[in-house]
Amino acid sequence: MHTVLIISETQSYLLVALQEKLEETGNKVIYAHADPNEISKVTEGIDLLFLFFDAALTEKRQGLIYLKDKAIEDDIPIFVTGDAQEMEAINGIIPLQMIQKSFPRPINVSVAAQEIANYMRDFGKQNKRKILVVDDSGAMLRNVKGWLEAKYQVILANSGAMAIKYLATNRPDLVLLDYEMPVVDGKQVLEMIRSENEFADIPVIFLTSKGDKESVMQVMSLKPEGYLLKTMPPDQIKKTIDEFFLKRQYQNLEKNSGK
């Protein structure tokens, strides 16, 4: 059973109908307002967050920021419903790449409940290896997630600062790190990871758009696990990551066997 947290400021007929449909598909549903104090009491063990927007919810900026941070920290997928104006209003608070699916209002609750059930079946956390992807390009984040999420649990961060915040409370199995980012670049993020004992052994593979010899040497001088060119075909990127985890698995087996 998965647990869905619905956030709304009003209990409308459609919200109640959505809750009933979600429960029919085997989910536990919790309802809360966008109040940080209220949310903090119910977010433990949440598998999916559903934001049921109306004019009142768009005004709850503090609560929405708290939800965004909680979703990042605990890797909680976000689904939303609302009209075009409400969707535009939240884009400045919750990055578009964090929203798995948006449903226009008036919402078809049967379709929404089924899509949520399908998502949890196909992309639920289960025991997948966790990959943190850090890139300031929303398009690149969405592409990488689309390529990898069938096999891996993919967490997205659109800045070095967001990545550092995530790493403060979470430990991914791999970090795919954009080398060229504004403000806090990939080099700074890697230095932060290597400077902390509990993070130092987290493997990092750089993402870079520059494949010339000088740029590659500059990237590899920082001693990451490797690098991937953003221009590589998706299948080659997936293959490289699969091979990386397979190699790590063999290394762990040898280490545990005392070889």
C-alpha atoms as a PDB file:
ATOM      1  CA  MET A   1       0.000   0.000   0.000  1.00  0.00           C
ATOM      2  CA  HIS A   2       1.238   3.495  -0.899  1.00  0.00           C
ATOM      3  CA  THR A   3       0.469   6.667   1.031  1.00  0.00           C
ATOM      4  CA  VAL A   4      -0.704   9.771  -0.837  1.00  0.00           C
ATOM      5  CA  LEU A   5      -0.732  13.186   0.834  1.00  0.00           C
ATOM      6  CA  ILE A   6      -3.296  15.577  -0.678  1.00  0.00           C
ATOM      7  CA  ILE A   7      -2.722  19.272  -0.027  1.00  0.00           C
ATOM      8  CA  SER A   8      -5.676  21.630  -0.436  1.00  0.00           C
ATOM      9  CA  GLU A   9      -7.184  24.608   1.342  1.00  0.00           C
ATOM     10  CA  THR A  10     -10.791  23.565   0.689  1.00  0.00           C
ATOM     11  CA  GLN A  11     -12.559  20.211   0.737  1.00  0.00           C
ATOM     12  CA  SER A  12     -14.460  20.277  -2.536  1.00  0.00           C
ATOM     13  CA  TYR A  13     -16.607  17.544  -4.045  1.00  0.00           C
ATOM     14  CA  LEU A  14     -13.871  16.727  -6.574  1.00  0.00           C
ATOM     15  CA  LEU A  15     -11.247  16.439  -3.842  1.00  0.00           C
ATOM     16  CA  VAL A  16     -13.413  13.982  -1.885  1.00  0.00           C
ATOM     17  CA  ALA A  17     -14.063  12.025  -5.105  1.00  0.00           C
ATOM     18  CA  LEU A  18     -10.318  11.890  -5.824  1.00  0.00           C
ATOM     19  CA  GLN A  19      -9.630  10.633  -2.319  1.00  0.00           C
ATOM     20  CA  GLU A  20     -12.225   7.886  -2.731  1.00  0.00           C
ATOM     21  CA  LYS A  21     -10.789   6.811  -6.111  1.00  0.00           C
ATOM     22  CA  LEU A  22      -7.260   6.708  -4.747  1.00  0.00           C
ATOM     23  CA  GLU A  23      -8.417   4.526  -1.863  1.00  0.00           C
ATOM     24  CA  GLU A  24     -10.210   2.234  -4.321  1.00  0.00           C
ATOM     25  CA  THR A  25      -6.883   1.648  -6.117  1.00  0.00           C
ATOM     26  CA  GLY A  26      -5.237   0.534  -2.874  1.00  0.00           C
ATOM     27  CA  ASN A  27      -3.734   3.763  -1.557  1.00  0.00           C
ATOM     28  CA  LYS A  28      -3.862   5.272   1.901  1.00  0.00           C
ATOM     29  CA  VAL A  29      -4.845   8.951   1.622  1.00  0.00           C
ATOM     30  CA  ILE A  30      -3.966  11.738   4.062  1.00  0.00           C
ATOM     31  CA  TYR A  31      -5.339  15.263   3.735  1.00  0.00           C
ATOM     32  CA  ALA A  32      -3.654  18.445   4.990  1.00  0.00           C
ATOM     33  CA  HIS A  33      -3.580  22.208   4.487  1.00  0.00           C
ATOM     34  CA  ALA A  34      -0.455  23.961   3.194  1.00  0.00           C
ATOM     35  CA  ASP A  35       0.707  24.836   6.674  1.00  0.00           C
ATOM     36  CA  PRO A  36       4.287  23.825   7.595  1.00  0.00           C
ATOM     37  CA  ASN A  37       3.312  22.866  11.155  1.00  0.00           C
ATOM     38  CA  GLU A  38       0.451  20.679   9.964  1.00  0.00           C
ATOM     39  CA  ILE A  39       2.472  19.140   7.128  1.00  0.00           C
ATOM     40  CA  SER A  40       5.400  18.275   9.390  1.00  0.00           C
ATOM     41  CA  LYS A  41       3.126  15.998  11.415  1.00  0.00           C
ATOM     42  CA  VAL A  42       1.969  13.882   8.465  1.00  0.00           C
ATOM     43  CA  THR A  43       4.803  13.678   5.901  1.00  0.00           C
ATOM     44  CA  GLU A  44       6.632  10.694   7.406  1.00  0.00           C
ATOM     45  CA  GLY A  45       6.336   7.738   5.041  1.00  0.00           C
ATOM     46  CA  ILE A  46       4.605   9.662   2.241  1.00  0.00           C
ATOM     47  CA  ASP A  47       5.021   8.043  -1.196  1.00  0.00           C
ATOM     48  CA  LEU A  48       3.336  10.708  -3.331  1.00  0.00           C
ATOM     49  CA  LEU A  49       2.272  14.331  -2.937  1.00  0.00           C
ATOM     50  CA  PHE A  50      -0.836  15.670  -4.696  1.00  0.00           C
ATOM     51  CA  LEU A  51      -1.355  19.443  -4.762  1.00  0.00           C
ATOM     52  CA  PHE A  52      -5.017  20.312  -5.328  1.00  0.00           C
ATOM     53  CA  PHE A  53      -4.713  23.926  -6.432  1.00  0.00           C
ATOM     54  CA  ASP A  54      -7.201  26.745  -6.171  1.00  0.00           C
ATOM     55  CA  ALA A  55      -6.768  30.491  -5.611  1.00  0.00           C
ATOM     56  CA  ALA A  56      -6.320  29.992  -1.856  1.00  0.00           C
ATOM     57  CA  LEU A  57      -3.523  27.425  -2.212  1.00  0.00           C
ATOM     58  CA  THR A  58      -1.506  29.606  -4.583  1.00  0.00           C
ATOM     59  CA  GLU A  59      -1.314  32.194  -1.781  1.00  0.00           C
ATOM     60  CA  LYS A  60       0.337  29.740   0.634  1.00  0.00           C
ATOM     61  CA  ARG A  61       3.891  30.441  -0.490  1.00  0.00           C
ATOM     62  CA  GLN A  62       5.564  29.421   2.776  1.00  0.00           C
ATOM     63  CA  GLY A  63       3.715  26.115   2.842  1.00  0.00           C
ATOM     64  CA  LEU A  64       4.518  25.398  -0.810  1.00  0.00           C
ATOM     65  CA  ILE A  65       8.220  26.103  -0.257  1.00  0.00           C
ATOM     66  CA  TYR A  66       8.158  23.736   2.735  1.00  0.00           C
ATOM     67  CA  LEU A  67       6.514  21.052   0.578  1.00  0.00           C
ATOM     68  CA  LYS A  68       9.067  21.548  -2.193  1.00  0.00           C
ATOM     69  CA  ASP A  69      11.938  21.133   0.252  1.00  0.00           C
ATOM     70  CA  LYS A  70      10.311  18.066   1.811  1.00  0.00           C
ATOM     71  CA  ALA A  71       9.792  16.515  -1.620  1.00  0.00           C
ATOM     72  CA  ILE A  72      13.484  17.034  -2.407  1.00  0.00           C
ATOM     73  CA  GLU A  73      14.701  15.687   0.931  1.00  0.00           C
ATOM     74  CA  ASP A  74      12.532  12.554   0.858  1.00  0.00           C
ATOM     75  CA  ASP A  75      12.355  12.077  -2.929  1.00  0.00           C
ATOM     76  CA  ILE A  76       8.552  12.391  -3.047  1.00  0.00           C
ATOM     77  CA  PRO A  77       6.991  12.692  -6.533  1.00  0.00           C
ATOM     78  CA  ILE A  78       4.581  15.606  -7.011  1.00  0.00           C
ATOM     79  CA  PHE A  79       1.286  15.514  -8.928  1.00  0.00           C
ATOM     80  CA  VAL A  80      -0.873  18.628  -9.295  1.00  0.00           C
ATOM     81  CA  THR A  81      -4.216  19.832 -10.578  1.00  0.00           C
ATOM     82  CA  GLY A  82      -5.279  23.388 -11.328  1.00  0.00           C
ATOM     83  CA  ASP A  83      -6.015  25.844 -14.107  1.00  0.00           C
ATOM     84  CA  ALA A  84      -3.411  27.457 -16.363  1.00  0.00           C
ATOM     85  CA  GLN A  85      -3.112  30.584 -14.216  1.00  0.00           C
ATOM     86  CA  GLU A  86      -2.544  28.562 -11.033  1.00  0.00           C
ATOM     87  CA  MET A  87       0.064  26.388 -12.755  1.00  0.00           C
ATOM     88  CA  GLU A  88       1.919  29.499 -13.882  1.00  0.00           C
ATOM     89  CA  ALA A  89       1.784  30.953 -10.371  1.00  0.00           C
ATOM     90  CA  ILE A  90       3.532  27.960  -8.759  1.00  0.00           C
ATOM     91  CA  ASN A  91       6.322  27.631 -11.329  1.00  0.00           C
ATOM     92  CA  GLY A  92       8.339  30.221  -9.449  1.00  0.00           C
ATOM     93  CA  ILE A  93       8.091  28.130  -6.269  1.00  0.00           C
ATOM     94  CA  ILE A  94       8.158  24.519  -7.421  1.00  0.00           C
ATOM     95  CA  PRO A  95      10.426  23.836 -10.438  1.00  0.00           C
ATOM     96  CA  LEU A  96       8.624  22.322 -13.391  1.00  0.00           C
ATOM     97  CA  GLN A  97      10.955  19.304 -13.459  1.00  0.00           C
ATOM     98  CA  MET A  98       9.782  18.310  -9.971  1.00  0.00           C
ATOM     99  CA  ILE A  99       6.180  17.877 -11.151  1.00  0.00           C
ATOM    100  CA  GLN A 100       5.583  14.380 -12.506  1.00  0.00           C
ATOM    101  CA  LYS A 101       2.114  15.075 -13.872  1.00  0.00           C
ATOM    102  CA  SER A 102      -0.355  17.956 -13.976  1.00  0.00           C
ATOM    103  CA  PHE A 103      -4.083  17.538 -14.542  1.00  0.00           C
ATOM    104  CA  PRO A 104      -6.166  20.453 -15.858  1.00  0.00           C
ATOM    105  CA  ARG A 105      -9.191  21.416 -13.807  1.00  0.00           C
ATOM    106  CA  PRO A 106     -11.922  20.226 -13.678  1.00  0.00           C
ATOM    107  CA  ILE A 107      -9.999  17.038 -12.935  1.00  0.00           C
ATOM    108  CA  ASN A 108     -11.128  13.607 -14.112  1.00  0.00           C
ATOM    109  CA  VAL A 109     -10.641  11.783 -10.813  1.00  0.00           C
ATOM    110  CA  SER A 110     -10.789   8.290 -12.338  1.00  0.00           C
ATOM    111  CA  VAL A 111      -8.035   9.096 -14.841  1.00  0.00           C
ATOM    112  CA  ALA A 112      -5.914  10.806 -12.168  1.00  0.00           C
ATOM    113  CA  ALA A 113      -6.224   7.888  -9.734  1.00  0.00           C
ATOM    114  CA  GLN A 114      -5.310   5.373 -12.424  1.00  0.00           C
ATOM    115  CA  GLU A 115      -2.285   7.395 -13.569  1.00  0.00           C
ATOM    116  CA  ILE A 116      -1.062   7.617  -9.991  1.00  0.00           C
ATOM    117  CA  ALA A 117      -1.502   3.860  -9.577  1.00  0.00           C
ATOM    118  CA  ASN A 118       0.418   3.275 -12.822  1.00  0.00           C
ATOM    119  CA  TYR A 119       3.202   5.609 -11.728  1.00  0.00           C
ATOM    120  CA  MET A 120       3.649   3.936  -8.353  1.00  0.00           C
ATOM    121  CA  ARG A 121       3.635   0.511 -10.026  1.00  0.00           C
ATOM    122  CA  ASP A 122       6.261   1.489 -12.603  1.00  0.00           C
ATOM    123  CA  PHE A 123       8.413   4.024 -10.753  1.00  0.00           C
ATOM    124  CA  GLY A 124       7.825   3.407  -7.048  1.00  0.00           C
ATOM    125  CA  LYS A 125      10.915   3.571  -4.853  1.00  0.00           C
ATOM    126  CA  GLN A 126      11.097  -0.170  -4.170  1.00  0.00           C
ATOM    127  CA  ASN A 127      14.765  -1.187  -3.994  1.00  0.00           C
ATOM    128  CA  LYS A 128      16.082   0.762  -6.965  1.00  0.00           C
ATOM    129  CA  ARG A 129      19.514   2.333  -6.814  1.00  0.00           C
ATOM    130  CA  LYS A 130      19.291   6.054  -6.191  1.00  0.00           C
ATOM    131  CA  ILE A 131      20.838   8.530  -8.651  1.00  0.00           C
ATOM    132  CA  LEU A 132      21.016  12.268  -7.950  1.00  0.00           C
ATOM    133  CA  VAL A 133      21.112  14.253 -11.205  1.00  0.00           C
ATOM    134  CA  VAL A 134      22.370  17.834 -10.876  1.00  0.00           C
ATOM    135  CA  ASP A 135      22.012  20.224 -13.815  1.00  0.00           C
ATOM    136  CA  ASP A 136      20.814  23.804 -14.252  1.00  0.00           C
ATOM    137  CA  SER A 137      18.982  22.830 -17.450  1.00  0.00           C
ATOM    138  CA  GLY A 138      15.407  21.713 -16.822  1.00  0.00           C
ATOM    139  CA  ALA A 139      15.316  20.044 -20.237  1.00  0.00           C
ATOM    140  CA  MET A 140      18.427  18.000 -19.460  1.00  0.00           C
ATOM    141  CA  LEU A 141      17.030  16.963 -16.079  1.00  0.00           C
ATOM    142  CA  ARG A 142      13.775  15.788 -17.649  1.00  0.00           C
ATOM    143  CA  ASN A 143      15.656  13.909 -20.380  1.00  0.00           C
ATOM    144  CA  VAL A 144      17.958  12.077 -17.971  1.00  0.00           C
ATOM    145  CA  LYS A 145      15.031  11.178 -15.719  1.00  0.00           C
ATOM    146  CA  GLY A 146      13.122   9.810 -18.696  1.00  0.00           C
ATOM    147  CA  TRP A 147      16.099   7.699 -19.775  1.00  0.00           C
ATOM    148  CA  LEU A 148      16.854   6.227 -16.355  1.00  0.00           C
ATOM    149  CA  GLU A 149      13.716   6.097 -14.207  1.00  0.00           C
ATOM    150  CA  ALA A 150      12.520   2.702 -15.446  1.00  0.00           C
ATOM    151  CA  LYS A 151      15.541   1.108 -13.754  1.00  0.00           C
ATOM    152  CA  TYR A 152      16.724   3.641 -11.165  1.00  0.00           C
ATOM    153  CA  GLN A 153      15.279   5.994  -8.577  1.00  0.00           C
ATOM    154  CA  VAL A 154      16.125   9.402 -10.050  1.00  0.00           C
ATOM    155  CA  ILE A 155      16.256  12.557  -7.921  1.00  0.00           C
ATOM    156  CA  LEU A 156      16.612  15.936  -9.630  1.00  0.00           C
ATOM    157  CA  ALA A 157      18.413  19.075  -8.474  1.00  0.00           C
ATOM    158  CA  ASN A 158      18.537  22.174 -10.685  1.00  0.00           C
ATOM    159  CA  SER A 159      21.465  23.832  -8.920  1.00  0.00           C
ATOM    160  CA  GLY A 160      24.585  23.034  -6.944  1.00  0.00           C
ATOM    161  CA  ALA A 161      22.983  24.584  -3.866  1.00  0.00           C
ATOM    162  CA  MET A 162      19.935  22.299  -4.168  1.00  0.00           C
ATOM    163  CA  ALA A 163      22.225  19.289  -4.560  1.00  0.00           C
ATOM    164  CA  ILE A 164      24.162  20.186  -1.423  1.00  0.00           C
ATOM    165  CA  LYS A 165      20.908  20.604   0.500  1.00  0.00           C
ATOM    166  CA  TYR A 166      19.739  17.170  -0.641  1.00  0.00           C
ATOM    167  CA  LEU A 167      23.056  15.527   0.224  1.00  0.00           C
ATOM    168  CA  ALA A 168      22.893  16.924   3.746  1.00  0.00           C
ATOM    169  CA  THR A 169      20.150  14.418   4.620  1.00  0.00           C
ATOM    170  CA  ASN A 170      20.312  11.758   1.882  1.00  0.00           C
ATOM    171  CA  ARG A 171      22.862   9.385   0.399  1.00  0.00           C
ATOM    172  CA  PRO A 172      22.494   8.511  -3.287  1.00  0.00           C
ATOM    173  CA  ASP A 173      24.304   5.596  -4.915  1.00  0.00           C
ATOM    174  CA  LEU A 174      25.583   7.870  -7.685  1.00  0.00           C
ATOM    175  CA  VAL A 175      25.690  11.583  -8.505  1.00  0.00           C
ATOM    176  CA  LEU A 176      25.481  12.694 -12.142  1.00  0.00           C
ATOM    177  CA  LEU A 177      26.876  16.205 -11.875  1.00  0.00           C
ATOM    178  CA  ASP A 178      26.831  18.998 -14.444  1.00  0.00           C
ATOM    179  CA  TYR A 179      30.335  20.437 -14.631  1.00  0.00           C
ATOM    180  CA  GLU A 180      29.293  23.886 -15.928  1.00  0.00           C
ATOM    181  CA  MET A 181      26.709  25.509 -13.638  1.00  0.00           C
ATOM    182  CA  PRO A 182      26.288  29.102 -12.456  1.00  0.00           C
ATOM    183  CA  VAL A 183      26.888  30.207  -8.829  1.00  0.00           C
ATOM    184  CA  VAL A 184      27.843  26.782  -7.388  1.00  0.00           C
ATOM    185  CA  ASP A 185      29.463  24.770 -10.178  1.00  0.00           C
ATOM    186  CA  GLY A 186      30.182  21.061 -10.445  1.00  0.00           C
ATOM    187  CA  LYS A 187      33.730  21.412  -9.175  1.00  0.00           C
ATOM    188  CA  GLN A 188      32.505  23.099  -5.975  1.00  0.00           C
ATOM    189  CA  VAL A 189      29.842  20.442  -5.395  1.00  0.00           C
ATOM    190  CA  LEU A 190      32.421  17.667  -5.834  1.00  0.00           C
ATOM    191  CA  GLU A 191      34.809  19.419  -3.433  1.00  0.00           C
ATOM    192  CA  MET A 192      32.018  19.624  -0.854  1.00  0.00           C
ATOM    193  CA  ILE A 193      31.241  15.909  -1.246  1.00  0.00           C
ATOM    194  CA  ARG A 194      34.897  14.932  -0.908  1.00  0.00           C
ATOM    195  CA  SER A 195      35.408  17.176   2.137  1.00  0.00           C
ATOM    196  CA  GLU A 196      32.834  15.358   4.300  1.00  0.00           C
ATOM    197  CA  ASN A 197      33.771  11.922   5.635  1.00  0.00           C
ATOM    198  CA  GLU A 198      30.254  10.519   5.370  1.00  0.00           C
ATOM    199  CA  PHE A 199      29.934  11.652   1.718  1.00  0.00           C
ATOM    200  CA  ALA A 200      33.518  11.212   0.518  1.00  0.00           C
ATOM    201  CA  ASP A 201      32.939   7.781  -1.035  1.00  0.00           C
ATOM    202  CA  ILE A 202      29.768   8.727  -2.941  1.00  0.00           C
ATOM    203  CA  PRO A 203      30.673   8.161  -6.610  1.00  0.00           C
ATOM    204  CA  VAL A 204      30.366  11.134  -8.956  1.00  0.00           C
ATOM    205  CA  ILE A 205      30.214  11.101 -12.749  1.00  0.00           C
ATOM    206  CA  PHE A 206      30.405  14.476 -14.460  1.00  0.00           C
ATOM    207  CA  LEU A 207      28.009  15.568 -17.179  1.00  0.00           C
ATOM    208  CA  THR A 208      29.682  17.907 -19.654  1.00  0.00           C
ATOM    209  CA  SER A 209      28.872  19.446 -23.015  1.00  0.00           C
ATOM    210  CA  LYS A 210      32.560  19.854 -23.938  1.00  0.00           C
ATOM    211  CA  GLY A 211      34.385  16.884 -25.416  1.00  0.00           C
ATOM    212  CA  ASP A 212      37.676  18.476 -26.488  1.00  0.00           C
ATOM    213  CA  LYS A 213      40.882  17.085 -24.974  1.00  0.00           C
ATOM    214  CA  GLU A 214      41.625  20.120 -22.806  1.00  0.00           C
ATOM    215  CA  SER A 215      38.122  20.197 -21.283  1.00  0.00           C
ATOM    216  CA  VAL A 216      38.121  16.451 -20.634  1.00  0.00           C
ATOM    217  CA  MET A 217      41.526  16.633 -18.928  1.00  0.00           C
ATOM    218  CA  GLN A 218      40.261  19.487 -16.753  1.00  0.00           C
ATOM    219  CA  VAL A 219      37.214  17.460 -15.704  1.00  0.00           C
ATOM    220  CA  MET A 220      39.166  14.253 -15.027  1.00  0.00           C
ATOM    221  CA  SER A 221      41.827  16.098 -13.013  1.00  0.00           C
ATOM    222  CA  LEU A 222      39.190  16.337 -10.254  1.00  0.00           C
ATOM    223  CA  LYS A 223      39.193  12.507 -10.075  1.00  0.00           C
ATOM    224  CA  PRO A 224      35.502  11.708 -10.569  1.00  0.00           C
ATOM    225  CA  GLU A 225      34.418   8.165 -11.429  1.00  0.00           C
ATOM    226  CA  GLY A 226      34.157   9.305 -15.029  1.00  0.00           C
ATOM    227  CA  TYR A 227      32.352  11.691 -17.321  1.00  0.00           C
ATOM    228  CA  LEU A 228      29.489  11.581 -19.789  1.00  0.00           C
ATOM    229  CA  LEU A 229      29.060  13.880 -22.752  1.00  0.00           C
ATOM    230  CA  LYS A 230      25.565  15.345 -22.886  1.00  0.00           C
ATOM    231  CA  THR A 231      25.571  14.747 -26.640  1.00  0.00           C
ATOM    232  CA  MET A 232      25.932  10.975 -26.207  1.00  0.00           C
ATOM    233  CA  PRO A 233      22.968   8.868 -27.384  1.00  0.00           C
ATOM    234  CA  PRO A 234      20.594   8.017 -24.500  1.00  0.00           C
ATOM    235  CA  ASP A 235      21.221   4.274 -24.921  1.00  0.00           C
ATOM    236  CA  GLN A 236      24.962   4.828 -24.506  1.00  0.00           C
ATOM    237  CA  ILE A 237      24.413   6.899 -21.352  1.00  0.00           C
ATOM    238  CA  LYS A 238      22.181   4.178 -19.897  1.00  0.00           C
ATOM    239  CA  LYS A 239      24.699   1.482 -20.838  1.00  0.00           C
ATOM    240  CA  THR A 240      27.555   3.398 -19.193  1.00  0.00           C
ATOM    241  CA  ILE A 241      25.605   3.768 -15.944  1.00  0.00           C
ATOM    242  CA  ASP A 242      24.534   0.111 -15.986  1.00  0.00           C
ATOM    243  CA  GLU A 243      28.157  -0.928 -16.488  1.00  0.00           C
ATOM    244  CA  PHE A 244      29.280   1.366 -13.673  1.00  0.00           C
ATOM    245  CA  PHE A 245      26.909  -0.301 -11.170  1.00  0.00           C
ATOM    246  CA  LEU A 246      27.814  -3.774 -12.453  1.00  0.00           C
ATOM    247  CA  LYS A 247      31.513  -3.017 -11.913  1.00  0.00           C
ATOM    248  CA  ARG A 248      30.789  -1.717  -8.391  1.00  0.00           C
ATOM    249  CA  GLN A 249      28.824  -4.865  -7.635  1.00  0.00           C
ATOM    250  CA  TYR A 250      31.762  -7.089  -8.647  1.00  0.00           C
ATOM    251  CA  GLN A 251      34.143  -4.937  -6.596  1.00  0.00           C
ATOM    252  CA  ASN A 252      31.919  -5.278  -3.524  1.00  0.00           C
ATOM    253  CA  LEU A 253      31.678  -9.052  -3.988  1.00  0.00           C
ATOM    254  CA  GLU A 254      35.461  -9.330  -4.175  1.00  0.00           C
ATOM    255  CA  LYS A 255      35.878  -7.099  -1.148  1.00  0.00           C
ATOM    256  CA  ASN A 256      33.368  -9.104   0.901  1.00  0.00           C
ATOM    257  CA  SER A 257      34.971 -12.394  -0.096  1.00  0.00           C
ATOM    258  CA  GLY A 258      38.343 -11.165   1.203  1.00  0.00           C
ATOM    259  CA  LYS A 259      40.129 -11.143  -2.152  1.00  0.00           C
END
